[in-house]
Protein backbone atom coordinates (compact mmCIF):
# COMPACT_ATOMS: atom_id res chain seq x y z
CA SER A 1 0.00 0.00 0.02
CA LEU A 2 1.12 3.56 -0.66
CA LYS A 3 0.91 6.77 1.33
CA ALA A 4 0.61 10.28 -0.15
CA ASN A 5 3.45 11.26 -2.52
CA GLN A 6 4.76 7.70 -2.90
CA MET A 7 5.18 5.73 -6.08
CA ALA A 8 5.08 2.07 -7.09
CA LEU A 9 6.68 0.13 -9.90
CA TYR A 10 4.74 -2.21 -12.11
CA TYR A 11 6.78 -5.16 -13.27
CA ARG A 12 6.44 -6.56 -16.79
CA ASP A 13 5.48 -10.04 -15.58
CA ALA A 14 2.50 -8.72 -13.59
CA SER A 15 -0.91 -8.72 -15.26
CA ASP A 16 -3.16 -6.53 -13.10
CA ILE A 17 -3.18 -3.25 -11.22
CA GLU A 18 -5.77 -2.85 -8.45
CA LEU A 19 -6.57 0.56 -7.03
CA PHE A 20 -8.47 1.13 -3.79
CA SER A 21 -8.81 4.39 -1.89
CA GLU A 22 -10.69 5.37 1.26
CA THR A 23 -10.25 9.09 0.64
CA GLY A 24 -9.92 9.53 -3.14
CA ALA A 25 -6.77 9.33 -5.20
CA GLU A 26 -5.05 10.47 -8.35
CA PHE A 27 -3.30 7.89 -10.55
CA LEU A 28 -0.71 8.47 -13.27
CA ALA A 29 0.44 5.56 -15.40
CA LEU A 30 3.54 5.93 -17.55
CA GLY A 31 4.81 3.32 -19.96
CA GLY A 32 7.40 2.67 -22.61
CA GLN A 33 10.00 0.25 -23.86
CA PRO A 34 12.36 -1.08 -21.19
CA LEU A 35 15.76 0.64 -21.31
CA ASN A 36 17.67 -2.35 -19.89
CA GLU A 37 20.19 0.06 -18.38
CA THR A 38 21.59 0.50 -14.89
CA VAL A 39 19.53 3.05 -12.94
CA TYR A 40 20.74 5.18 -10.03
CA ALA A 41 18.29 7.30 -8.06
CA TYR A 42 18.88 10.00 -5.45
CA GLY A 43 15.86 11.97 -4.29
CA PRO A 44 14.02 13.12 -7.45
CA PHE A 45 17.01 12.48 -9.70
CA VAL A 46 17.31 9.34 -11.75
CA MET A 47 20.36 8.76 -13.96
CA ASN A 48 22.58 5.89 -15.20
CA ASN A 49 25.52 6.22 -12.76
CA GLU A 50 26.69 8.07 -9.65
CA ASP A 51 28.74 10.65 -11.60
CA GLU A 52 25.62 11.63 -13.61
CA ILE A 53 23.69 12.00 -10.34
CA ARG A 54 26.38 14.26 -8.91
CA ARG A 55 26.41 16.44 -12.08
CA CYS A 56 22.60 16.55 -12.06
CA ILE A 57 22.51 17.70 -8.42
CA ALA A 58 25.21 20.31 -9.11
CA ASN A 59 23.24 21.61 -12.12
CA TYR A 60 20.08 21.81 -10.04
CA GLN A 61 21.81 23.60 -7.15
CA SER A 62 23.38 26.14 -9.55
CA GLY A 63 19.99 26.93 -11.15
CA LYS A 64 20.75 25.33 -14.52
CA MET A 65 17.48 23.33 -14.44
CA GLY A 66 15.20 26.30 -14.08
CA ASP A 67 12.60 26.85 -11.41
CA PRO A 68 9.57 24.64 -12.08
CA ASP A 69 6.26 25.73 -10.62
CA VAL A 70 5.55 22.65 -8.49
CA VAL A 71 2.03 22.15 -7.13
CA ASN A 72 1.77 19.88 -4.13
CA HIS A 73 -1.71 18.38 -3.70
């Protein structure tokens, strides 16, 4: 089960997704071809290796990624 602001992964060998909510919910499904690549994640950043994560964080901290208008429900 998930709490607010959490995510779940759907594995290719699964066949169903069941959704239940006591208080209402929003659901976003994303799909595509598998990349079959190594994935590193740190906070909201997802890259292919630790060096890319470090560069991504540095770019974010220096303002090179802009300032998105984030709405938190």
